[in-house]
């Protein structure tokens, strides 16, 4: 979508960022790191068996 409509995507991103608090971004980032780490660990466990 960014390649097709960069102006519209930038406006949508700016509008979304006005509605989301810093705390919510911190929590979402921490959850994302946790889930990513779990997926990597699970993948490594499967590959290294």
Protein backbone atom coordinates (compact mmCIF):
# COMPACT_ATOMS: atom_id res chain seq x y z
CA UNK A 1 0.00 0.00 0.00
CA UNK A 2 2.86 2.39 0.74
CA UNK A 3 4.14 2.02 -2.83
CA UNK A 4 0.70 2.56 -4.37
CA UNK A 5 -0.59 5.45 -2.24
CA UNK A 6 2.17 7.00 -0.10
CA UNK A 7 0.25 10.23 0.60
CA UNK A 8 -2.88 8.45 1.77
CA UNK A 9 -0.87 6.01 3.87
CA UNK A 10 1.06 8.86 5.49
CA UNK A 11 -2.21 10.62 6.40
CA UNK A 12 -3.68 7.39 7.78
CA UNK A 13 -0.52 6.75 9.80
CA UNK A 14 -0.50 10.30 11.18
CA UNK A 15 -4.18 10.04 12.16
CA UNK A 16 -3.63 6.69 13.85
CA UNK A 17 -0.65 8.01 15.82
CA UNK A 18 -2.75 10.88 17.17
CA UNK A 19 -5.24 8.38 18.62
CA UNK A 20 -2.77 5.94 20.22
CA UNK A 21 -1.15 6.81 23.53
CA UNK A 22 2.55 6.33 24.24
CA UNK A 23 1.73 3.73 26.87
CA UNK A 24 -0.25 1.67 24.36
CA UNK A 25 2.67 1.81 21.92
CA UNK A 26 5.07 0.65 24.65
CA UNK A 27 2.81 -2.26 25.61
CA UNK A 28 2.28 -3.29 21.98
CA UNK A 29 6.03 -3.14 21.34
CA UNK A 30 6.82 -5.24 24.41
CA UNK A 31 4.19 -7.82 23.43
CA UNK A 32 5.58 -7.91 19.89
CA UNK A 33 9.12 -8.51 21.17
CA UNK A 34 7.88 -11.27 23.49
CA UNK A 35 5.88 -13.03 20.76
CA UNK A 36 8.76 -12.72 18.29
CA UNK A 37 11.21 -14.16 20.80
CA UNK A 38 8.87 -17.07 21.53
CA UNK A 39 8.47 -17.79 17.81
CA UNK A 40 12.24 -17.71 17.26
CA UNK A 41 12.82 -20.01 20.23
CA UNK A 42 10.15 -22.43 18.99
CA UNK A 43 11.60 -22.39 15.48
CA UNK A 44 15.10 -22.99 16.80
CA UNK A 45 13.83 -25.88 18.91
CA UNK A 46 12.23 -27.49 15.84
CA UNK A 47 15.30 -26.99 13.64
CA UNK A 48 17.82 -28.17 16.21
CA UNK A 49 16.07 -31.42 17.11
